[in-house]
Amino acid sequence: MTRLVHLSDIHLQIDWRQRSLWSSGWRGAPGRFELQGLGRLRRFHGVHDRIRRLVDKALGREPHHVLLTGDLTALGDEVEFAHVRSLFAPLLAEGRLTVIPGNHDRYTDTPRSRVFERMFASELRSELPEHADARGYPFVKLVGKRLALVGLDSTRVNSWGHYLVGRLGRSQLKRLRRVLDDARLAGRTVLVLTHHGPFGPSGKFNWRESGLLDAGPLSRVLRGRAVVVAHGHSHHRYWHRARGGAPHTFGGGSSTEGTAAGFWQLDIDTHRLLEATAHSLA
């Protein structure tokens, strides 16, 4: 079996109280209100230490690879990303970390600057680049002889709605289908990584907990295929088991928030034959 550790929504933050309100631009304004007005800075106080413990505990599970499904930061600031890279240095050095962006990783970004892609360029490099769009998605990593990781970008909402919902878009979904049809993935179980999940904890679309506007089209692309879905966004950790052609789907929860901080350990033989264990950070 291949062992994976699934982390998500670690929300590393700098002390934004030390920066002017103008420093995060108009895109970061609602995020600053959430941080300072609605208590997120307080809820994630001490997150640097929690991430250090998280990395140590994840490494203790001896995974072949670690997945981090978005919301690495509070507001997508370059300094926040630099701290993330420093804290995950042991995994980065060994090439055992795969990351995708979450909506928080875009809050102070612009379509032109693409800070996330610049800071994690080597981790986003695809082994099947012909299937990627101009932004680099979907990217593909082959893990061993029996597993493939496919990273998607669900943050393609270019309006105030990017604080609440996600979208993959028709072009990216079409490219995902081509990836899954590629003969080089035959015989492999494919882990599809997206920040916004197709379902919330209830198993149904939920504006707050999943928020993927094209959840239906994504589900149709994946139905009946040898895939497993791992996503973030919801801070609840849950597992929707495969049924009726739908794949196993794992919500990573927040790996650093409160008493629910933790991660999934996935031991995968095939897309049907797998074991999953939820570990607490406590």
C-alpha atoms as a PDB file:
ATOM      1  CA  MET A   1       0.000   0.000   0.000  1.00  0.00           C
ATOM      2  CA  THR A   2       0.950   3.632  -0.494  1.00  0.00           C
ATOM      3  CA  ARG A   3       0.699   5.787   2.613  1.00  0.00           C
ATOM      4  CA  LEU A   4      -0.382   9.410   2.289  1.00  0.00           C
ATOM      5  CA  VAL A   5      -0.967  12.106   4.870  1.00  0.00           C
ATOM      6  CA  HIS A   6      -3.682  14.623   3.988  1.00  0.00           C
ATOM      7  CA  LEU A   7      -3.387  18.084   5.574  1.00  0.00           C
ATOM      8  CA  SER A   8      -5.473  21.144   4.820  1.00  0.00           C
ATOM      9  CA  ASP A   9      -6.410  24.693   5.849  1.00  0.00           C
ATOM     10  CA  ILE A  10      -3.425  25.375   8.091  1.00  0.00           C
ATOM     11  CA  HIS A  11      -3.945  29.170   7.763  1.00  0.00           C
ATOM     12  CA  LEU A  12      -0.488  30.360   8.712  1.00  0.00           C
ATOM     13  CA  GLN A  13      -0.768  34.037   9.626  1.00  0.00           C
ATOM     14  CA  ILE A  14       1.527  36.900  10.353  1.00  0.00           C
ATOM     15  CA  ASP A  15       0.420  39.541  12.870  1.00  0.00           C
ATOM     16  CA  TRP A  16      -1.655  41.643  10.517  1.00  0.00           C
ATOM     17  CA  ARG A  17      -2.276  44.167  13.291  1.00  0.00           C
ATOM     18  CA  GLN A  18       1.244  45.408  12.610  1.00  0.00           C
ATOM     19  CA  ARG A  19       0.396  46.317   9.017  1.00  0.00           C
ATOM     20  CA  SER A  20      -1.726  49.132   7.653  1.00  0.00           C
ATOM     21  CA  LEU A  21      -5.167  48.353   6.281  1.00  0.00           C
ATOM     22  CA  TRP A  22      -3.981  49.533   2.865  1.00  0.00           C
ATOM     23  CA  SER A  23      -1.128  47.014   2.728  1.00  0.00           C
ATOM     24  CA  SER A  24      -3.469  44.143   1.800  1.00  0.00           C
ATOM     25  CA  GLY A  25      -5.278  46.048  -0.992  1.00  0.00           C
ATOM     26  CA  TRP A  26      -8.980  45.922  -1.835  1.00  0.00           C
ATOM     27  CA  ARG A  27      -8.930  42.161  -2.382  1.00  0.00           C
ATOM     28  CA  GLY A  28      -7.703  41.606   1.152  1.00  0.00           C
ATOM     29  CA  ALA A  29     -10.148  43.987   2.855  1.00  0.00           C
ATOM     30  CA  PRO A  30     -12.853  41.423   3.794  1.00  0.00           C
ATOM     31  CA  GLY A  31     -10.125  39.009   4.861  1.00  0.00           C
ATOM     32  CA  ARG A  32      -8.680  41.656   7.185  1.00  0.00           C
ATOM     33  CA  PHE A  33     -12.134  42.168   8.693  1.00  0.00           C
ATOM     34  CA  GLU A  34     -12.465  38.419   9.256  1.00  0.00           C
ATOM     35  CA  LEU A  35      -9.028  38.297  10.880  1.00  0.00           C
ATOM     36  CA  GLN A  36      -9.298  41.312  13.136  1.00  0.00           C
ATOM     37  CA  GLY A  37     -13.042  41.853  13.481  1.00  0.00           C
ATOM     38  CA  LEU A  38     -14.369  38.296  13.585  1.00  0.00           C
ATOM     39  CA  GLY A  39     -11.606  36.724  15.655  1.00  0.00           C
ATOM     40  CA  ARG A  40      -9.627  34.587  13.205  1.00  0.00           C
ATOM     41  CA  LEU A  41      -6.317  36.016  14.445  1.00  0.00           C
ATOM     42  CA  ARG A  42      -7.257  34.817  17.921  1.00  0.00           C
ATOM     43  CA  ARG A  43      -8.457  31.376  16.773  1.00  0.00           C
ATOM     44  CA  PHE A  44      -5.199  30.699  14.947  1.00  0.00           C
ATOM     45  CA  HIS A  45      -2.906  32.266  17.538  1.00  0.00           C
ATOM     46  CA  GLY A  46       0.227  30.118  17.914  1.00  0.00           C
ATOM     47  CA  VAL A  47      -0.282  28.485  14.512  1.00  0.00           C
ATOM     48  CA  HIS A  48       3.469  28.440  13.770  1.00  0.00           C
ATOM     49  CA  ASP A  49       4.058  26.080  16.700  1.00  0.00           C
ATOM     50  CA  ARG A  50       1.063  23.939  15.728  1.00  0.00           C
ATOM     51  CA  ILE A  51       2.437  23.552  12.196  1.00  0.00           C
ATOM     52  CA  ARG A  52       5.824  22.463  13.569  1.00  0.00           C
ATOM     53  CA  ARG A  53       4.086  19.806  15.652  1.00  0.00           C
ATOM     54  CA  LEU A  54       1.936  18.860  12.665  1.00  0.00           C
ATOM     55  CA  VAL A  55       4.978  18.296  10.442  1.00  0.00           C
ATOM     56  CA  ASP A  56       6.690  16.211  13.138  1.00  0.00           C
ATOM     57  CA  LYS A  57       3.577  14.100  13.677  1.00  0.00           C
ATOM     58  CA  ALA A  58       3.000  13.662   9.940  1.00  0.00           C
ATOM     59  CA  LEU A  59       6.613  12.562   9.423  1.00  0.00           C
ATOM     60  CA  GLY A  60       6.152  10.128  12.304  1.00  0.00           C
ATOM     61  CA  ARG A  61       3.550   8.287  10.224  1.00  0.00           C
ATOM     62  CA  GLU A  62       6.293   7.617   7.621  1.00  0.00           C
ATOM     63  CA  PRO A  63       4.201   8.612   4.581  1.00  0.00           C
ATOM     64  CA  HIS A  64       5.332   8.185   1.011  1.00  0.00           C
ATOM     65  CA  HIS A  65       3.823  11.601   0.287  1.00  0.00           C
ATOM     66  CA  VAL A  66       1.990  14.480   2.005  1.00  0.00           C
ATOM     67  CA  LEU A  67      -0.946  16.401   0.504  1.00  0.00           C
ATOM     68  CA  LEU A  68      -1.810  19.974   1.498  1.00  0.00           C
ATOM     69  CA  THR A  69      -5.124  20.956  -0.067  1.00  0.00           C
ATOM     70  CA  GLY A  70      -5.103  24.737   0.122  1.00  0.00           C
ATOM     71  CA  ASP A  71      -5.510  27.660   2.513  1.00  0.00           C
ATOM     72  CA  LEU A  72      -1.869  27.523   3.481  1.00  0.00           C
ATOM     73  CA  THR A  73      -2.092  31.152   4.607  1.00  0.00           C
ATOM     74  CA  ALA A  74      -4.457  33.722   6.084  1.00  0.00           C
ATOM     75  CA  LEU A  75      -4.325  36.245   3.245  1.00  0.00           C
ATOM     76  CA  GLY A  76      -1.906  34.908   0.628  1.00  0.00           C
ATOM     77  CA  ASP A  77       0.903  37.282   1.557  1.00  0.00           C
ATOM     78  CA  GLU A  78       4.387  36.441   0.291  1.00  0.00           C
ATOM     79  CA  VAL A  79       5.801  36.564   3.828  1.00  0.00           C
ATOM     80  CA  GLU A  80       3.177  34.036   4.948  1.00  0.00           C
ATOM     81  CA  PHE A  81       4.131  31.704   2.106  1.00  0.00           C
ATOM     82  CA  ALA A  82       7.814  32.037   2.999  1.00  0.00           C
ATOM     83  CA  HIS A  83       7.026  30.924   6.567  1.00  0.00           C
ATOM     84  CA  VAL A  84       5.098  27.935   5.219  1.00  0.00           C
ATOM     85  CA  ARG A  85       8.039  26.897   3.078  1.00  0.00           C
ATOM     86  CA  SER A  86      10.353  27.163   6.072  1.00  0.00           C
ATOM     87  CA  LEU A  87       8.107  25.063   8.321  1.00  0.00           C
ATOM     88  CA  PHE A  88       7.635  22.353   5.689  1.00  0.00           C
ATOM     89  CA  ALA A  89      11.310  22.347   4.683  1.00  0.00           C
ATOM     90  CA  PRO A  90      11.907  18.664   5.641  1.00  0.00           C
ATOM     91  CA  LEU A  91       9.155  17.499   3.261  1.00  0.00           C
ATOM     92  CA  LEU A  92      10.037  19.985   0.534  1.00  0.00           C
ATOM     93  CA  ALA A  93      13.682  18.901   0.583  1.00  0.00           C
ATOM     94  CA  GLU A  94      12.637  15.282  -0.003  1.00  0.00           C
ATOM     95  CA  GLY A  95      10.060  16.116  -2.695  1.00  0.00           C
ATOM     96  CA  ARG A  96       7.293  14.595  -0.578  1.00  0.00           C
ATOM     97  CA  LEU A  97       4.877  17.536  -0.438  1.00  0.00           C
ATOM     98  CA  THR A  98       2.166  18.429  -2.960  1.00  0.00           C
ATOM     99  CA  VAL A  99       0.234  21.684  -2.537  1.00  0.00           C
ATOM    100  CA  ILE A 100      -2.706  23.345  -4.256  1.00  0.00           C
ATOM    101  CA  PRO A 101      -4.107  26.855  -3.647  1.00  0.00           C
ATOM    102  CA  GLY A 102      -7.129  27.726  -1.541  1.00  0.00           C
ATOM    103  CA  ASN A 103      -9.247  30.858  -1.572  1.00  0.00           C
ATOM    104  CA  HIS A 104      -7.317  32.391   1.344  1.00  0.00           C
ATOM    105  CA  ASP A 105      -4.121  32.006  -0.693  1.00  0.00           C
ATOM    106  CA  ARG A 106      -5.589  34.430  -3.276  1.00  0.00           C
ATOM    107  CA  TYR A 107      -6.954  37.172  -0.999  1.00  0.00           C
ATOM    108  CA  THR A 108      -4.146  39.684  -1.598  1.00  0.00           C
ATOM    109  CA  ASP A 109      -3.014  38.187  -4.912  1.00  0.00           C
ATOM    110  CA  THR A 110      -3.815  39.383  -8.418  1.00  0.00           C
ATOM    111  CA  PRO A 111      -4.200  37.340 -11.623  1.00  0.00           C
ATOM    112  CA  ARG A 112      -0.925  38.799 -12.859  1.00  0.00           C
ATOM    113  CA  SER A 113       1.267  38.307  -9.804  1.00  0.00           C
ATOM    114  CA  ARG A 114       0.307  34.660  -9.050  1.00  0.00           C
ATOM    115  CA  VAL A 115       2.271  34.640  -5.791  1.00  0.00           C
ATOM    116  CA  PHE A 116       1.264  31.067  -4.901  1.00  0.00           C
ATOM    117  CA  GLU A 117       2.581  29.703  -8.217  1.00  0.00           C
ATOM    118  CA  ARG A 118       5.803  31.665  -7.884  1.00  0.00           C
ATOM    119  CA  MET A 119       6.456  30.527  -4.310  1.00  0.00           C
ATOM    120  CA  PHE A 120       5.718  26.839  -5.067  1.00  0.00           C
ATOM    121  CA  ALA A 121       6.882  26.594  -8.670  1.00  0.00           C
ATOM    122  CA  SER A 122       8.886  23.384  -8.223  1.00  0.00           C
ATOM    123  CA  GLU A 123       6.063  21.651  -6.298  1.00  0.00           C
ATOM    124  CA  LEU A 124       3.571  22.481  -9.072  1.00  0.00           C
ATOM    125  CA  ARG A 125       5.670  21.091 -11.924  1.00  0.00           C
ATOM    126  CA  SER A 126       3.688  18.508 -13.892  1.00  0.00           C
ATOM    127  CA  GLU A 127       4.928  15.214 -15.275  1.00  0.00           C
ATOM    128  CA  LEU A 128       2.271  15.468 -18.003  1.00  0.00           C
ATOM    129  CA  PRO A 129       2.610  19.180 -18.855  1.00  0.00           C
ATOM    130  CA  GLU A 130       0.797  18.894 -22.183  1.00  0.00           C
ATOM    131  CA  HIS A 131      -2.485  18.614 -20.281  1.00  0.00           C
ATOM    132  CA  ALA A 132      -1.975  21.773 -18.207  1.00  0.00           C
ATOM    133  CA  ASP A 133      -3.443  25.162 -19.095  1.00  0.00           C
ATOM    134  CA  ALA A 134      -1.509  28.437 -19.173  1.00  0.00           C
ATOM    135  CA  ARG A 135      -1.781  28.663 -15.377  1.00  0.00           C
ATOM    136  CA  GLY A 136      -0.301  25.178 -14.891  1.00  0.00           C
ATOM    137  CA  TYR A 137      -3.421  23.186 -13.971  1.00  0.00           C
ATOM    138  CA  PRO A 138      -4.216  20.359 -13.807  1.00  0.00           C
ATOM    139  CA  PHE A 139      -0.720  19.215 -12.855  1.00  0.00           C
ATOM    140  CA  VAL A 140       0.189  15.544 -12.502  1.00  0.00           C
ATOM    141  CA  LYS A 141       2.679  13.782 -10.236  1.00  0.00           C
ATOM    142  CA  LEU A 142       3.363  10.057 -10.489  1.00  0.00           C
ATOM    143  CA  VAL A 143       4.007   8.457  -7.092  1.00  0.00           C
ATOM    144  CA  GLY A 144       5.603   5.045  -7.286  1.00  0.00           C
ATOM    145  CA  LYS A 145       4.101   2.661  -9.826  1.00  0.00           C
ATOM    146  CA  ARG A 146       0.487   2.622  -8.630  1.00  0.00           C
ATOM    147  CA  LEU A 147      -0.532   6.165  -7.738  1.00  0.00           C
ATOM    148  CA  ALA A 148      -0.928   9.531  -9.471  1.00  0.00           C
ATOM    149  CA  LEU A 149      -1.711  12.931  -7.966  1.00  0.00           C
ATOM    150  CA  VAL A 150      -3.705  15.460 -10.000  1.00  0.00           C
ATOM    151  CA  GLY A 151      -3.791  19.014  -8.637  1.00  0.00           C
ATOM    152  CA  LEU A 152      -6.633  21.379  -9.553  1.00  0.00           C
ATOM    153  CA  ASP A 153      -7.180  25.087  -8.960  1.00  0.00           C
ATOM    154  CA  SER A 154     -10.703  25.781  -7.669  1.00  0.00           C
ATOM    155  CA  THR A 155     -10.023  29.468  -6.912  1.00  0.00           C
ATOM    156  CA  ARG A 156     -11.133  30.763 -10.324  1.00  0.00           C
ATOM    157  CA  VAL A 157     -13.815  33.175  -9.193  1.00  0.00           C
ATOM    158  CA  ASN A 158     -12.782  36.687 -10.207  1.00  0.00           C
ATOM    159  CA  SER A 159     -15.182  38.722  -8.074  1.00  0.00           C
ATOM    160  CA  TRP A 160     -16.056  39.341  -4.434  1.00  0.00           C
ATOM    161  CA  GLY A 161     -17.512  35.836  -4.513  1.00  0.00           C
ATOM    162  CA  HIS A 162     -13.990  34.391  -4.286  1.00  0.00           C
ATOM    163  CA  TYR A 163     -14.319  34.766  -0.497  1.00  0.00           C
ATOM    164  CA  LEU A 164     -17.236  32.349  -0.428  1.00  0.00           C
ATOM    165  CA  VAL A 165     -17.239  29.974  -3.387  1.00  0.00           C
ATOM    166  CA  GLY A 166     -14.948  28.206  -5.838  1.00  0.00           C
ATOM    167  CA  ARG A 167     -14.973  27.236  -9.484  1.00  0.00           C
ATOM    168  CA  LEU A 168     -12.799  24.981 -11.640  1.00  0.00           C
ATOM    169  CA  GLY A 169     -14.173  26.149 -14.985  1.00  0.00           C
ATOM    170  CA  ARG A 170     -15.090  24.281 -18.157  1.00  0.00           C
ATOM    171  CA  SER A 171     -11.579  24.373 -19.632  1.00  0.00           C
ATOM    172  CA  GLN A 172      -9.917  22.893 -16.542  1.00  0.00           C
ATOM    173  CA  LEU A 173     -12.572  20.177 -16.280  1.00  0.00           C
ATOM    174  CA  LYS A 174     -12.050  19.286 -19.938  1.00  0.00           C
ATOM    175  CA  ARG A 175      -8.311  19.008 -19.297  1.00  0.00           C
ATOM    176  CA  LEU A 176      -8.964  16.873 -16.217  1.00  0.00           C
ATOM    177  CA  ARG A 177     -10.944  14.456 -18.387  1.00  0.00           C
ATOM    178  CA  ARG A 178      -8.009  14.230 -20.802  1.00  0.00           C
ATOM    179  CA  VAL A 179      -5.646  13.513 -17.909  1.00  0.00           C
ATOM    180  CA  LEU A 180      -7.872  10.701 -16.641  1.00  0.00           C
ATOM    181  CA  ASP A 181      -8.103   9.247 -20.154  1.00  0.00           C
ATOM    182  CA  ASP A 182      -4.319   9.322 -20.650  1.00  0.00           C
ATOM    183  CA  ALA A 183      -2.936   5.798 -21.128  1.00  0.00           C
ATOM    184  CA  ARG A 184       0.052   6.611 -18.916  1.00  0.00           C
ATOM    185  CA  LEU A 185      -2.284   6.628 -15.908  1.00  0.00           C
ATOM    186  CA  ALA A 186      -3.743   3.205 -16.706  1.00  0.00           C
ATOM    187  CA  GLY A 187      -3.460   0.887 -13.725  1.00  0.00           C
ATOM    188  CA  ARG A 188      -2.911   3.746 -11.280  1.00  0.00           C
ATOM    189  CA  THR A 189      -5.243   5.075  -8.625  1.00  0.00           C
ATOM    190  CA  VAL A 190      -5.595   8.827  -9.138  1.00  0.00           C
ATOM    191  CA  LEU A 191      -5.825  11.214  -6.188  1.00  0.00           C
ATOM    192  CA  VAL A 192      -7.713  14.309  -7.378  1.00  0.00           C
ATOM    193  CA  LEU A 193      -6.861  17.336  -5.238  1.00  0.00           C
ATOM    194  CA  THR A 194      -9.147  20.360  -5.102  1.00  0.00           C
ATOM    195  CA  HIS A 195      -9.579  22.977  -2.403  1.00  0.00           C
ATOM    196  CA  HIS A 196     -13.355  23.391  -2.671  1.00  0.00           C
ATOM    197  CA  GLY A 197     -15.016  20.013  -2.347  1.00  0.00           C
ATOM    198  CA  PRO A 198     -18.069  18.790  -4.239  1.00  0.00           C
ATOM    199  CA  PHE A 199     -19.981  18.081  -1.001  1.00  0.00           C
ATOM    200  CA  GLY A 200     -20.111  19.343   2.550  1.00  0.00           C
ATOM    201  CA  PRO A 201     -20.167  17.150   5.671  1.00  0.00           C
ATOM    202  CA  SER A 202     -23.788  16.187   4.974  1.00  0.00           C
ATOM    203  CA  GLY A 203     -22.913  14.701   1.587  1.00  0.00           C
ATOM    204  CA  LYS A 204     -24.733  17.496  -0.243  1.00  0.00           C
ATOM    205  CA  PHE A 205     -23.602  20.762  -1.783  1.00  0.00           C
ATOM    206  CA  ASN A 206     -23.261  23.427   0.892  1.00  0.00           C
ATOM    207  CA  TRP A 207     -22.442  27.080   0.221  1.00  0.00           C
ATOM    208  CA  ARG A 208     -20.358  27.431   3.361  1.00  0.00           C
ATOM    209  CA  GLU A 209     -18.725  24.024   3.684  1.00  0.00           C
ATOM    210  CA  SER A 210     -18.031  23.096   0.064  1.00  0.00           C
ATOM    211  CA  GLY A 211     -18.944  25.958  -2.233  1.00  0.00           C
ATOM    212  CA  LEU A 212     -17.750  24.458  -5.516  1.00  0.00           C
ATOM    213  CA  LEU A 213     -20.044  25.993  -8.117  1.00  0.00           C
ATOM    214  CA  ASP A 214     -19.297  23.303 -10.698  1.00  0.00           C
ATOM    215  CA  ALA A 215     -19.538  20.386  -8.272  1.00  0.00           C
ATOM    216  CA  GLY A 216     -21.987  18.632 -10.598  1.00  0.00           C
ATOM    217  CA  PRO A 217     -19.739  18.729 -13.686  1.00  0.00           C
ATOM    218  CA  LEU A 218     -16.768  17.584 -11.586  1.00  0.00           C
ATOM    219  CA  SER A 219     -18.759  14.644 -10.227  1.00  0.00           C
ATOM    220  CA  ARG A 220     -19.752  13.635 -13.755  1.00  0.00           C
ATOM    221  CA  VAL A 221     -16.108  13.685 -14.913  1.00  0.00           C
ATOM    222  CA  LEU A 222     -15.062  11.481 -11.969  1.00  0.00           C
ATOM    223  CA  ARG A 223     -17.959   9.034 -11.897  1.00  0.00           C
ATOM    224  CA  GLY A 224     -16.943   5.418 -12.376  1.00  0.00           C
ATOM    225  CA  ARG A 225     -13.225   6.138 -12.575  1.00  0.00           C
ATOM    226  CA  ALA A 226     -10.320   4.827 -10.493  1.00  0.00           C
ATOM    227  CA  VAL A 227     -10.045   8.004  -8.430  1.00  0.00           C
ATOM    228  CA  VAL A 228     -10.096   9.239  -4.840  1.00  0.00           C
ATOM    229  CA  VAL A 229     -10.876  12.889  -4.031  1.00  0.00           C
ATOM    230  CA  ALA A 230      -9.074  14.886  -1.319  1.00  0.00           C
ATOM    231  CA  HIS A 231     -10.153  18.456  -0.621  1.00  0.00           C
ATOM    232  CA  GLY A 232     -10.149  21.214   1.958  1.00  0.00           C
ATOM    233  CA  HIS A 233     -12.144  24.413   2.591  1.00  0.00           C
ATOM    234  CA  SER A 234     -14.537  23.002   5.193  1.00  0.00           C
ATOM    235  CA  HIS A 235     -12.890  22.952   8.605  1.00  0.00           C
ATOM    236  CA  HIS A 236     -14.720  19.717   9.393  1.00  0.00           C
ATOM    237  CA  ARG A 237     -12.904  16.430   8.743  1.00  0.00           C
ATOM    238  CA  TYR A 238     -15.064  13.806   7.016  1.00  0.00           C
ATOM    239  CA  TRP A 239     -15.078  10.841   4.663  1.00  0.00           C
ATOM    240  CA  HIS A 240     -17.806  10.130   2.137  1.00  0.00           C
ATOM    241  CA  ARG A 241     -17.377   6.512   1.121  1.00  0.00           C
ATOM    242  CA  ALA A 242     -17.562   5.424  -2.512  1.00  0.00           C
ATOM    243  CA  ARG A 243     -20.994   4.405  -3.743  1.00  0.00           C
ATOM    244  CA  GLY A 244     -22.993   4.408  -6.957  1.00  0.00           C
ATOM    245  CA  GLY A 245     -19.973   5.225  -9.099  1.00  0.00           C
ATOM    246  CA  ALA A 246     -18.956   8.195  -6.925  1.00  0.00           C
ATOM    247  CA  PRO A 247     -15.403   7.997  -5.518  1.00  0.00           C
ATOM    248  CA  HIS A 248     -14.182   8.012  -1.931  1.00  0.00           C
ATOM    249  CA  THR A 249     -14.052  11.703  -0.958  1.00  0.00           C
ATOM    250  CA  PHE A 250     -12.053  13.066   1.979  1.00  0.00           C
ATOM    251  CA  GLY A 251     -12.565  16.482   3.540  1.00  0.00           C
ATOM    252  CA  GLY A 252      -9.298  17.389   5.215  1.00  0.00           C
ATOM    253  CA  GLY A 253     -10.742  19.775   7.803  1.00  0.00           C
ATOM    254  CA  SER A 254      -8.422  22.347   9.342  1.00  0.00           C
ATOM    255  CA  SER A 255      -5.210  20.707  10.452  1.00  0.00           C
ATOM    256  CA  THR A 256      -4.417  23.537  12.897  1.00  0.00           C
ATOM    257  CA  GLU A 257      -7.657  24.948  14.323  1.00  0.00           C
ATOM    258  CA  GLY A 258      -8.721  24.225  17.879  1.00  0.00           C
ATOM    259  CA  THR A 259      -9.436  20.801  19.295  1.00  0.00           C
ATOM    260  CA  ALA A 260     -10.255  19.398  15.829  1.00  0.00           C
ATOM    261  CA  ALA A 261      -6.719  20.035  14.527  1.00  0.00           C
ATOM    262  CA  GLY A 262      -5.290  16.950  12.848  1.00  0.00           C
ATOM    263  CA  PHE A 263      -5.052  15.049   9.568  1.00  0.00           C
ATOM    264  CA  TRP A 264      -6.018  11.995   7.572  1.00  0.00           C
ATOM    265  CA  GLN A 265      -3.695   9.052   7.090  1.00  0.00           C
ATOM    266  CA  LEU A 266      -4.610   7.233   3.875  1.00  0.00           C
ATOM    267  CA  ASP A 267      -3.231   3.773   3.124  1.00  0.00           C
ATOM    268  CA  ILE A 268      -4.194   3.086  -0.468  1.00  0.00           C
ATOM    269  CA  ASP A 269      -3.999  -0.119  -2.478  1.00  0.00           C
ATOM    270  CA  THR A 270      -6.605   0.796  -5.091  1.00  0.00           C
ATOM    271  CA  HIS A 271      -9.375   3.385  -5.381  1.00  0.00           C
ATOM    272  CA  ARG A 272     -11.708   0.876  -3.731  1.00  0.00           C
ATOM    273  CA  LEU A 273      -9.323  -0.888  -1.368  1.00  0.00           C
ATOM    274  CA  LEU A 274      -8.020   1.649   1.131  1.00  0.00           C
ATOM    275  CA  GLU A 275      -7.796   2.383   4.819  1.00  0.00           C
ATOM    276  CA  ALA A 276      -8.224   5.826   6.396  1.00  0.00           C
ATOM    277  CA  THR A 277      -7.398   6.942   9.924  1.00  0.00           C
ATOM    278  CA  ALA A 278      -8.037  10.386  11.411  1.00  0.00           C
ATOM    279  CA  HIS A 279      -5.229  11.579  13.679  1.00  0.00           C
ATOM    280  CA  SER A 280      -5.495  14.404  16.205  1.00  0.00           C
ATOM    281  CA  LEU A 281      -2.764  16.977  16.711  1.00  0.00           C
ATOM    282  CA  ALA A 282      -3.375  16.867  20.465  1.00  0.00           C
END
